[in-house]
Amino acid sequence: MSEDVRMTAWVRGHVQGVGFRWFTRARALEIGGLRGFALNLGDGRVQVVAEGPRDGCERLLAWLQGGDTPGRVDGVTEIWDTPRGDYEGFVER
């Protein structure tokens, strides 16, 4: 059983206006067990916060870094922390 973690990722590139948040939510729900959100930031990045099993968060991060996302990802910066338990489900903000 994987420990629960909190992963916050900032995705830069052409990631707004291309359905990125919707597809991120769909991928998180497909992985299962993840709670959090995807949010457009004012500087053009998308912030993704996911809490849940480490393996699920790692799968979501790998998808964010991979070439199968909508738009164009130029880079992803992430930090890991302990979960706060603030979220129910995974939503677009």
PDB file of N, CA and C in Angstrom:
ATOM      1  N   MET A   1       0.851  -1.189   0.000  1.00  0.00           N
ATOM      2  CA  MET A   1       0.000   0.000   0.000  1.00  0.00           C
ATOM      3  C   MET A   1       0.891   1.246   0.000  1.00  0.00           C
ATOM      4  N   SER A   2       0.571   2.162  -0.846  1.00  0.00           N
ATOM      5  CA  SER A   2       1.364   3.375  -1.009  1.00  0.00           C
ATOM      6  C   SER A   2       0.950   4.430   0.023  1.00  0.00           C
ATOM      7  N   GLU A   3       1.936   5.150   0.547  1.00  0.00           N
ATOM      8  CA  GLU A   3       1.619   6.230   1.488  1.00  0.00           C
ATOM      9  C   GLU A   3       0.926   7.380   0.758  1.00  0.00           C
ATOM     10  N   ASP A   4       0.104   8.129   1.483  1.00  0.00           N
ATOM     11  CA  ASP A   4      -0.545   9.295   0.896  1.00  0.00           C
ATOM     12  C   ASP A   4       0.409  10.484   0.934  1.00  0.00           C
ATOM     13  N   VAL A   5       0.407  11.245  -0.157  1.00  0.00           N
ATOM     14  CA  VAL A   5       1.281  12.410  -0.306  1.00  0.00           C
ATOM     15  C   VAL A   5       0.488  13.549  -0.931  1.00  0.00           C
ATOM     16  N   ARG A   6       1.130  14.700  -0.972  1.00  0.00           N
ATOM     17  CA  ARG A   6       0.598  15.869  -1.681  1.00  0.00           C
ATOM     18  C   ARG A   6       1.641  16.275  -2.712  1.00  0.00           C
ATOM     19  N   MET A   7       1.229  16.350  -3.960  1.00  0.00           N
ATOM     20  CA  MET A   7       2.110  16.757  -5.047  1.00  0.00           C
ATOM     21  C   MET A   7       1.545  18.043  -5.641  1.00  0.00           C
ATOM     22  N   THR A   8       2.354  19.083  -5.672  1.00  0.00           N
ATOM     23  CA  THR A   8       1.979  20.329  -6.326  1.00  0.00           C
ATOM     24  C   THR A   8       2.898  20.507  -7.517  1.00  0.00           C
ATOM     25  N   ALA A   9       2.298  20.706  -8.692  1.00  0.00           N
ATOM     26  CA  ALA A   9       3.075  20.864  -9.919  1.00  0.00           C
ATOM     27  C   ALA A   9       2.664  22.147 -10.623  1.00  0.00           C
ATOM     28  N   TRP A  10       3.656  22.823 -11.181  1.00  0.00           N
ATOM     29  CA  TRP A  10       3.420  24.001 -12.011  1.00  0.00           C
ATOM     30  C   TRP A  10       3.861  23.641 -13.418  1.00  0.00           C
ATOM     31  N   VAL A  11       2.894  23.695 -14.344  1.00  0.00           N
ATOM     32  CA  VAL A  11       3.136  23.273 -15.724  1.00  0.00           C
ATOM     33  C   VAL A  11       3.232  24.510 -16.594  1.00  0.00           C
ATOM     34  N   ARG A  12       4.351  24.653 -17.306  1.00  0.00           N
ATOM     35  CA  ARG A  12       4.519  25.820 -18.169  1.00  0.00           C
ATOM     36  C   ARG A  12       4.576  25.391 -19.634  1.00  0.00           C
ATOM     37  N   GLY A  13       4.199  26.320 -20.485  1.00  0.00           N
ATOM     38  CA  GLY A  13       4.120  26.075 -21.921  1.00  0.00           C
ATOM     39  C   GLY A  13       2.815  26.649 -22.433  1.00  0.00           C
ATOM     40  N   HIS A  14       2.320  26.096 -23.530  1.00  0.00           N
ATOM     41  CA  HIS A  14       1.012  26.504 -24.061  1.00  0.00           C
ATOM     42  C   HIS A  14      -0.024  25.555 -23.468  1.00  0.00           C
ATOM     43  N   VAL A  15      -0.467  25.876 -22.230  1.00  0.00           N
ATOM     44  CA  VAL A  15      -1.324  24.959 -21.482  1.00  0.00           C
ATOM     45  C   VAL A  15      -2.639  25.597 -21.038  1.00  0.00           C
ATOM     46  N   GLN A  16      -2.928  26.792 -21.494  1.00  0.00           N
ATOM     47  CA  GLN A  16      -4.223  27.410 -21.198  1.00  0.00           C
ATOM     48  C   GLN A  16      -4.994  27.577 -22.495  1.00  0.00           C
ATOM     49  N   GLY A  17      -6.308  27.394 -22.410  1.00  0.00           N
ATOM     50  CA  GLY A  17      -7.160  27.540 -23.587  1.00  0.00           C
ATOM     51  C   GLY A  17      -7.118  26.332 -24.508  1.00  0.00           C
ATOM     52  N   VAL A  18      -6.614  25.190 -24.005  1.00  0.00           N
ATOM     53  CA  VAL A  18      -6.491  23.988 -24.838  1.00  0.00           C
ATOM     54  C   VAL A  18      -7.128  22.768 -24.168  1.00  0.00           C
ATOM     55  N   GLY A  19      -7.898  22.984 -23.092  1.00  0.00           N
ATOM     56  CA  GLY A  19      -8.531  21.880 -22.383  1.00  0.00           C
ATOM     57  C   GLY A  19      -7.614  21.170 -21.405  1.00  0.00           C
ATOM     58  N   PHE A  20      -6.508  21.803 -21.053  1.00  0.00           N
ATOM     59  CA  PHE A  20      -5.511  21.156 -20.199  1.00  0.00           C
ATOM     60  C   PHE A  20      -6.074  20.785 -18.832  1.00  0.00           C
ATOM     61  N   ARG A  21      -6.794  21.711 -18.206  1.00  0.00           N
ATOM     62  CA  ARG A  21      -7.358  21.422 -16.879  1.00  0.00           C
ATOM     63  C   ARG A  21      -8.369  20.289 -16.953  1.00  0.00           C
ATOM     64  N   TRP A  22      -9.217  20.271 -17.978  1.00  0.00           N
ATOM     65  CA  TRP A  22     -10.222  19.219 -18.133  1.00  0.00           C
ATOM     66  C   TRP A  22      -9.542  17.861 -18.284  1.00  0.00           C
ATOM     67  N   PHE A  23      -8.543  17.787 -19.158  1.00  0.00           N
ATOM     68  CA  PHE A  23      -7.844  16.519 -19.373  1.00  0.00           C
ATOM     69  C   PHE A  23      -7.060  16.092 -18.134  1.00  0.00           C
ATOM     70  N   THR A  24      -6.518  17.055 -17.374  1.00  0.00           N
ATOM     71  CA  THR A  24      -5.815  16.724 -16.139  1.00  0.00           C
ATOM     72  C   THR A  24      -6.784  16.111 -15.147  1.00  0.00           C
ATOM     73  N   ARG A  25      -7.968  16.708 -15.018  1.00  0.00           N
ATOM     74  CA  ARG A  25      -8.995  16.150 -14.133  1.00  0.00           C
ATOM     75  C   ARG A  25      -9.383  14.755 -14.591  1.00  0.00           C
ATOM     76  N   ALA A  26      -9.610  14.578 -15.892  1.00  0.00           N
ATOM     77  CA  ALA A  26      -9.995  13.266 -16.424  1.00  0.00           C
ATOM     78  C   ALA A  26      -8.909  12.225 -16.142  1.00  0.00           C
ATOM     79  N   ARG A  27      -7.648  12.602 -16.299  1.00  0.00           N
ATOM     80  CA  ARG A  27      -6.550  11.671 -16.040  1.00  0.00           C
ATOM     81  C   ARG A  27      -6.482  11.321 -14.555  1.00  0.00           C
ATOM     82  N   ALA A  28      -6.661  12.318 -13.683  1.00  0.00           N
ATOM     83  CA  ALA A  28      -6.643  12.065 -12.237  1.00  0.00           C
ATOM     84  C   ALA A  28      -7.767  11.112 -11.840  1.00  0.00           C
ATOM     85  N   LEU A  29      -8.957  11.299 -12.422  1.00  0.00           N
ATOM     86  CA  LEU A  29     -10.083  10.422 -12.111  1.00  0.00           C
ATOM     87  C   LEU A  29      -9.837   9.018 -12.655  1.00  0.00           C
ATOM     88  N   GLU A  30      -9.201   8.927 -13.819  1.00  0.00           N
ATOM     89  CA  GLU A  30      -8.862   7.625 -14.410  1.00  0.00           C
ATOM     90  C   GLU A  30      -7.871   6.876 -13.522  1.00  0.00           C
ATOM     91  N   ILE A  31      -6.881   7.577 -12.992  1.00  0.00           N
ATOM     92  CA  ILE A  31      -5.900   6.960 -12.098  1.00  0.00           C
ATOM     93  C   ILE A  31      -6.595   6.483 -10.833  1.00  0.00           C
ATOM     94  N   GLY A  32      -7.491   7.308 -10.304  1.00  0.00           N
ATOM     95  CA  GLY A  32      -8.281   6.945  -9.134  1.00  0.00           C
ATOM     96  C   GLY A  32      -7.574   7.250  -7.821  1.00  0.00           C
ATOM     97  N   GLY A  33      -8.360   7.573  -6.818  1.00  0.00           N
ATOM     98  CA  GLY A  33      -7.842   7.811  -5.487  1.00  0.00           C
ATOM     99  C   GLY A  33      -7.199   9.167  -5.271  1.00  0.00           C
ATOM    100  N   LEU A  34      -7.245  10.039  -6.275  1.00  0.00           N
ATOM    101  CA  LEU A  34      -6.606  11.350  -6.152  1.00  0.00           C
ATOM    102  C   LEU A  34      -7.654  12.424  -5.887  1.00  0.00           C
ATOM    103  N   ARG A  35      -7.285  13.374  -5.048  1.00  0.00           N
ATOM    104  CA  ARG A  35      -8.117  14.526  -4.743  1.00  0.00           C
ATOM    105  C   ARG A  35      -7.277  15.770  -5.000  1.00  0.00           C
ATOM    106  N   GLY A  36      -7.931  16.849  -5.459  1.00  0.00           N
ATOM    107  CA  GLY A  36      -7.192  18.077  -5.684  1.00  0.00           C
ATOM    108  C   GLY A  36      -7.822  18.912  -6.777  1.00  0.00           C
ATOM    109  N   PHE A  37      -6.960  19.641  -7.507  1.00  0.00           N
ATOM    110  CA  PHE A  37      -7.489  20.557  -8.518  1.00  0.00           C
ATOM    111  C   PHE A  37      -6.434  20.903  -9.560  1.00  0.00           C
ATOM    112  N   ALA A  38      -6.918  21.466 -10.660  1.00  0.00           N
ATOM    113  CA  ALA A  38      -6.081  22.069 -11.702  1.00  0.00           C
ATOM    114  C   ALA A  38      -6.581  23.498 -11.886  1.00  0.00           C
ATOM    115  N   LEU A  39      -5.663  24.461 -11.872  1.00  0.00           N
ATOM    116  CA  LEU A  39      -6.004  25.884 -11.854  1.00  0.00           C
ATOM    117  C   LEU A  39      -5.138  26.656 -12.837  1.00  0.00           C
ATOM    118  N   ASN A  40      -5.772  27.486 -13.682  1.00  0.00           N
ATOM    119  CA  ASN A  40      -5.017  28.402 -14.538  1.00  0.00           C
ATOM    120  C   ASN A  40      -4.452  29.523 -13.684  1.00  0.00           C
ATOM    121  N   LEU A  41      -3.171  29.827 -13.870  1.00  0.00           N
ATOM    122  CA  LEU A  41      -2.531  30.942 -13.177  1.00  0.00           C
ATOM    123  C   LEU A  41      -2.423  32.136 -14.120  1.00  0.00           C
ATOM    124  N   GLY A  42      -2.307  33.310 -13.555  1.00  0.00           N
ATOM    125  CA  GLY A  42      -2.259  34.541 -14.336  1.00  0.00           C
ATOM    126  C   GLY A  42      -1.051  34.654 -15.250  1.00  0.00           C
ATOM    127  N   ASP A  43       0.008  33.911 -14.964  1.00  0.00           N
ATOM    128  CA  ASP A  43       1.230  33.991 -15.781  1.00  0.00           C
ATOM    129  C   ASP A  43       1.258  32.968 -16.914  1.00  0.00           C
ATOM    130  N   GLY A  44       0.130  32.257 -17.141  1.00  0.00           N
ATOM    131  CA  GLY A  44       0.051  31.312 -18.249  1.00  0.00           C
ATOM    132  C   GLY A  44       0.326  29.871 -17.863  1.00  0.00           C
ATOM    133  N   ARG A  45       0.762  29.644 -16.630  1.00  0.00           N
ATOM    134  CA  ARG A  45       0.992  28.269 -16.181  1.00  0.00           C
ATOM    135  C   ARG A  45      -0.311  27.659 -15.654  1.00  0.00           C
ATOM    136  N   VAL A  46      -0.289  26.339 -15.471  1.00  0.00           N
ATOM    137  CA  VAL A  46      -1.368  25.636 -14.784  1.00  0.00           C
ATOM    138  C   VAL A  46      -0.777  25.023 -13.531  1.00  0.00           C
ATOM    139  N   GLN A  47      -1.449  25.243 -12.399  1.00  0.00           N
ATOM    140  CA  GLN A  47      -1.047  24.625 -11.136  1.00  0.00           C
ATOM    141  C   GLN A  47      -1.922  23.398 -10.918  1.00  0.00           C
ATOM    142  N   VAL A  48      -1.281  22.289 -10.589  1.00  0.00           N
ATOM    143  CA  VAL A  48      -1.985  21.045 -10.310  1.00  0.00           C
ATOM    144  C   VAL A  48      -1.617  20.617  -8.891  1.00  0.00           C
ATOM    145  N   VAL A  49      -2.623  20.425  -8.050  1.00  0.00           N
ATOM    146  CA  VAL A  49      -2.416  19.905  -6.699  1.00  0.00           C
ATOM    147  C   VAL A  49      -3.150  18.582  -6.621  1.00  0.00           C
ATOM    148  N   ALA A  50      -2.427  17.532  -6.253  1.00  0.00           N
ATOM    149  CA  ALA A  50      -3.027  16.203  -6.125  1.00  0.00           C
ATOM    150  C   ALA A  50      -2.607  15.598  -4.798  1.00  0.00           C
ATOM    151  N   GLU A  51      -3.586  15.059  -4.086  1.00  0.00           N
ATOM    152  CA  GLU A  51      -3.325  14.327  -2.853  1.00  0.00           C
ATOM    153  C   GLU A  51      -3.870  12.922  -3.011  1.00  0.00           C
ATOM    154  N   GLY A  52      -3.116  11.970  -2.479  1.00  0.00           N
ATOM    155  CA  GLY A  52      -3.535  10.577  -2.555  1.00  0.00           C
ATOM    156  C   GLY A  52      -2.319   9.680  -2.511  1.00  0.00           C
ATOM    157  N   PRO A  53      -2.491   8.420  -2.912  1.00  0.00           N
ATOM    158  CA  PRO A  53      -1.375   7.488  -2.888  1.00  0.00           C
ATOM    159  C   PRO A  53      -0.198   7.987  -3.742  1.00  0.00           C
ATOM    160  N   ARG A  54       1.019   7.800  -3.227  1.00  0.00           N
ATOM    161  CA  ARG A  54       2.215   8.271  -3.941  1.00  0.00           C
ATOM    162  C   ARG A  54       2.264   7.738  -5.376  1.00  0.00           C
ATOM    163  N   ASP A  55       1.947   6.463  -5.561  1.00  0.00           N
ATOM    164  CA  ASP A  55       2.039   5.909  -6.917  1.00  0.00           C
ATOM    165  C   ASP A  55       1.059   6.602  -7.864  1.00  0.00           C
ATOM    166  N   GLY A  56      -0.128   6.967  -7.391  1.00  0.00           N
ATOM    167  CA  GLY A  56      -1.089   7.687  -8.217  1.00  0.00           C
ATOM    168  C   GLY A  56      -0.600   9.088  -8.565  1.00  0.00           C
ATOM    169  N   CYS A  57      -0.037   9.774  -7.583  1.00  0.00           N
ATOM    170  CA  CYS A  57       0.507  11.115  -7.836  1.00  0.00           C
ATOM    171  C   CYS A  57       1.684  11.038  -8.812  1.00  0.00           C
ATOM    172  N   GLU A  58       2.508  10.009  -8.680  1.00  0.00           N
ATOM    173  CA  GLU A  58       3.631   9.840  -9.613  1.00  0.00           C
ATOM    174  C   GLU A  58       3.143   9.553 -11.022  1.00  0.00           C
ATOM    175  N   ARG A  59       2.060   8.798 -11.149  1.00  0.00           N
ATOM    176  CA  ARG A  59       1.481   8.536 -12.479  1.00  0.00           C
ATOM    177  C   ARG A  59       0.940   9.823 -13.097  1.00  0.00           C
ATOM    178  N   LEU A  60       0.272  10.648 -12.285  1.00  0.00           N
ATOM    179  CA  LEU A  60      -0.247  11.919 -12.798  1.00  0.00           C
ATOM    180  C   LEU A  60       0.904  12.827 -13.209  1.00  0.00           C
ATOM    181  N   LEU A  61       1.950  12.899 -12.406  1.00  0.00           N
ATOM    182  CA  LEU A  61       3.110  13.718 -12.746  1.00  0.00           C
ATOM    183  C   LEU A  61       3.761  13.240 -14.034  1.00  0.00           C
ATOM    184  N   ALA A  62       3.910  11.934 -14.205  1.00  0.00           N
ATOM    185  CA  ALA A  62       4.498  11.386 -15.435  1.00  0.00           C
ATOM    186  C   ALA A  62       3.659  11.782 -16.647  1.00  0.00           C
ATOM    187  N   TRP A  63       2.327  11.775 -16.491  1.00  0.00           N
ATOM    188  CA  TRP A  63       1.457  12.191 -17.591  1.00  0.00           C
ATOM    189  C   TRP A  63       1.654  13.677 -17.900  1.00  0.00           C
ATOM    190  N   LEU A  64       1.742  14.501 -16.849  1.00  0.00           N
ATOM    191  CA  LEU A  64       1.961  15.941 -17.055  1.00  0.00           C
ATOM    192  C   LEU A  64       3.268  16.194 -17.798  1.00  0.00           C
ATOM    193  N   GLN A  65       4.292  15.404 -17.510  1.00  0.00           N
ATOM    194  CA  GLN A  65       5.611  15.580 -18.117  1.00  0.00           C
ATOM    195  C   GLN A  65       5.720  14.924 -19.487  1.00  0.00           C
ATOM    196  N   GLY A  66       4.787  14.034 -19.809  1.00  0.00           N
ATOM    197  CA  GLY A  66       4.845  13.291 -21.059  1.00  0.00           C
ATOM    198  C   GLY A  66       4.313  14.103 -22.227  1.00  0.00           C
ATOM    199  N   GLY A  67       4.317  13.506 -23.390  1.00  0.00           N
ATOM    200  CA  GLY A  67       3.888  14.197 -24.597  1.00  0.00           C
ATOM    201  C   GLY A  67       2.434  13.997 -24.949  1.00  0.00           C
ATOM    202  N   ASP A  68       1.640  13.413 -24.034  1.00  0.00           N
ATOM    203  CA  ASP A  68       0.255  13.069 -24.351  1.00  0.00           C
ATOM    204  C   ASP A  68      -0.746  14.090 -23.820  1.00  0.00           C
ATOM    205  N   THR A  69      -0.276  15.253 -23.388  1.00  0.00           N
ATOM    206  CA  THR A  69      -1.170  16.287 -22.866  1.00  0.00           C
ATOM    207  C   THR A  69      -1.646  17.192 -23.993  1.00  0.00           C
ATOM    208  N   PRO A  70      -2.778  17.869 -23.803  1.00  0.00           N
ATOM    209  CA  PRO A  70      -3.172  18.869 -24.797  1.00  0.00           C
ATOM    210  C   PRO A  70      -2.224  20.068 -24.726  1.00  0.00           C
ATOM    211  N   GLY A  71      -2.142  20.812 -25.801  1.00  0.00           N
ATOM    212  CA  GLY A  71      -1.259  21.983 -25.827  1.00  0.00           C
ATOM    213  C   GLY A  71       0.195  21.554 -25.950  1.00  0.00           C
ATOM    214  N   ARG A  72       1.075  22.326 -25.320  1.00  0.00           N
ATOM    215  CA  ARG A  72       2.513  22.035 -25.367  1.00  0.00           C
ATOM    216  C   ARG A  72       3.101  22.295 -23.987  1.00  0.00           C
ATOM    217  N   VAL A  73       3.676  21.285 -23.390  1.00  0.00           N
ATOM    218  CA  VAL A  73       4.318  21.423 -22.085  1.00  0.00           C
ATOM    219  C   VAL A  73       5.802  21.665 -22.305  1.00  0.00           C
ATOM    220  N   ASP A  74       6.284  22.811 -21.804  1.00  0.00           N
ATOM    221  CA  ASP A  74       7.711  23.129 -21.900  1.00  0.00           C
ATOM    222  C   ASP A  74       8.476  22.673 -20.668  1.00  0.00           C
ATOM    223  N   GLY A  75       7.774  22.481 -19.552  1.00  0.00           N
ATOM    224  CA  GLY A  75       8.437  22.027 -18.343  1.00  0.00           C
ATOM    225  C   GLY A  75       7.461  21.927 -17.193  1.00  0.00           C
ATOM    226  N   VAL A  76       7.827  21.120 -16.211  1.00  0.00           N
ATOM    227  CA  VAL A  76       7.014  20.927 -15.019  1.00  0.00           C
ATOM    228  C   VAL A  76       7.931  21.007 -13.811  1.00  0.00           C
ATOM    229  N   THR A  77       7.545  21.824 -12.848  1.00  0.00           N
ATOM    230  CA  THR A  77       8.245  21.910 -11.569  1.00  0.00           C
ATOM    231  C   THR A  77       7.300  21.361 -10.512  1.00  0.00           C
ATOM    232  N   GLU A  78       7.799  20.469  -9.656  1.00  0.00           N
ATOM    233  CA  GLU A  78       6.914  19.903  -8.643  1.00  0.00           C
ATOM    234  C   GLU A  78       7.577  19.909  -7.279  1.00  0.00           C
ATOM    235  N   ILE A  79       6.722  19.916  -6.261  1.00  0.00           N
ATOM    236  CA  ILE A  79       7.183  19.740  -4.885  1.00  0.00           C
ATOM    237  C   ILE A  79       6.296  18.683  -4.240  1.00  0.00           C
ATOM    238  N   TRP A  80       6.853  17.999  -3.271  1.00  0.00           N
ATOM    239  CA  TRP A  80       6.144  16.938  -2.552  1.00  0.00           C
ATOM    240  C   TRP A  80       6.002  17.346  -1.100  1.00  0.00           C
ATOM    241  N   ASP A  81       4.872  16.988  -0.495  1.00  0.00           N
ATOM    242  CA  ASP A  81       4.603  17.367   0.882  1.00  0.00           C
ATOM    243  C   ASP A  81       3.653  16.339   1.484  1.00  0.00           C
ATOM    244  N   THR A  82       3.292  16.558   2.737  1.00  0.00           N
ATOM    245  CA  THR A  82       2.293  15.703   3.372  1.00  0.00           C
ATOM    246  C   THR A  82       0.910  16.222   3.004  1.00  0.00           C
ATOM    247  N   PRO A  83      -0.059  15.320   2.835  1.00  0.00           N
ATOM    248  CA  PRO A  83      -1.408  15.761   2.454  1.00  0.00           C
ATOM    249  C   PRO A  83      -2.066  16.560   3.571  1.00  0.00           C
ATOM    250  N   ARG A  84      -2.907  17.495   3.170  1.00  0.00           N
ATOM    251  CA  ARG A  84      -3.644  18.325   4.121  1.00  0.00           C
ATOM    252  C   ARG A  84      -5.088  17.873   4.281  1.00  0.00           C
ATOM    253  N   GLY A  85      -5.569  17.098   3.299  1.00  0.00           N
ATOM    254  CA  GLY A  85      -6.939  16.598   3.390  1.00  0.00           C
ATOM    255  C   GLY A  85      -8.001  17.642   3.141  1.00  0.00           C
ATOM    256  N   ASP A  86      -7.661  18.672   2.377  1.00  0.00           N
ATOM    257  CA  ASP A  86      -8.591  19.779   2.134  1.00  0.00           C
ATOM    258  C   ASP A  86      -9.574  19.532   0.997  1.00  0.00           C
ATOM    259  N   TYR A  87      -9.420  18.458   0.238  1.00  0.00           N
ATOM    260  CA  TYR A  87     -10.163  18.313  -1.020  1.00  0.00           C
ATOM    261  C   TYR A  87     -11.048  17.075  -1.023  1.00  0.00           C
ATOM    262  N   GLU A  88     -12.160  17.215  -1.730  1.00  0.00           N
ATOM    263  CA  GLU A  88     -13.030  16.086  -2.035  1.00  0.00           C
ATOM    264  C   GLU A  88     -13.101  15.991  -3.544  1.00  0.00           C
ATOM    265  N   GLY A  89     -12.684  14.881  -4.087  1.00  0.00           N
ATOM    266  CA  GLY A  89     -12.687  14.714  -5.529  1.00  0.00           C
ATOM    267  C   GLY A  89     -11.565  15.517  -6.180  1.00  0.00           C
ATOM    268  N   PHE A  90     -11.610  15.575  -7.505  1.00  0.00           N
ATOM    269  CA  PHE A  90     -10.614  16.322  -8.274  1.00  0.00           C
ATOM    270  C   PHE A  90     -11.370  17.259  -9.200  1.00  0.00           C
ATOM    271  N   VAL A  91     -11.091  18.559  -9.134  1.00  0.00           N
ATOM    272  CA  VAL A  91     -11.890  19.554  -9.846  1.00  0.00           C
ATOM    273  C   VAL A  91     -11.017  20.491 -10.670  1.00  0.00           C
ATOM    274  N   GLU A  92     -11.683  21.151 -11.605  1.00  0.00           N
ATOM    275  CA  GLU A  92     -11.075  22.270 -12.327  1.00  0.00           C
ATOM    276  C   GLU A  92     -11.426  23.534 -11.552  1.00  0.00           C
ATOM    277  N   ARG A  93     -10.470  24.418 -11.422  1.00  0.00           N
ATOM    278  CA  ARG A  93     -10.752  25.706 -10.781  1.00  0.00           C
ATOM    279  C   ARG A  93     -10.498  26.815 -11.760  1.00  0.00           C
TER     280      ARG A  93
END
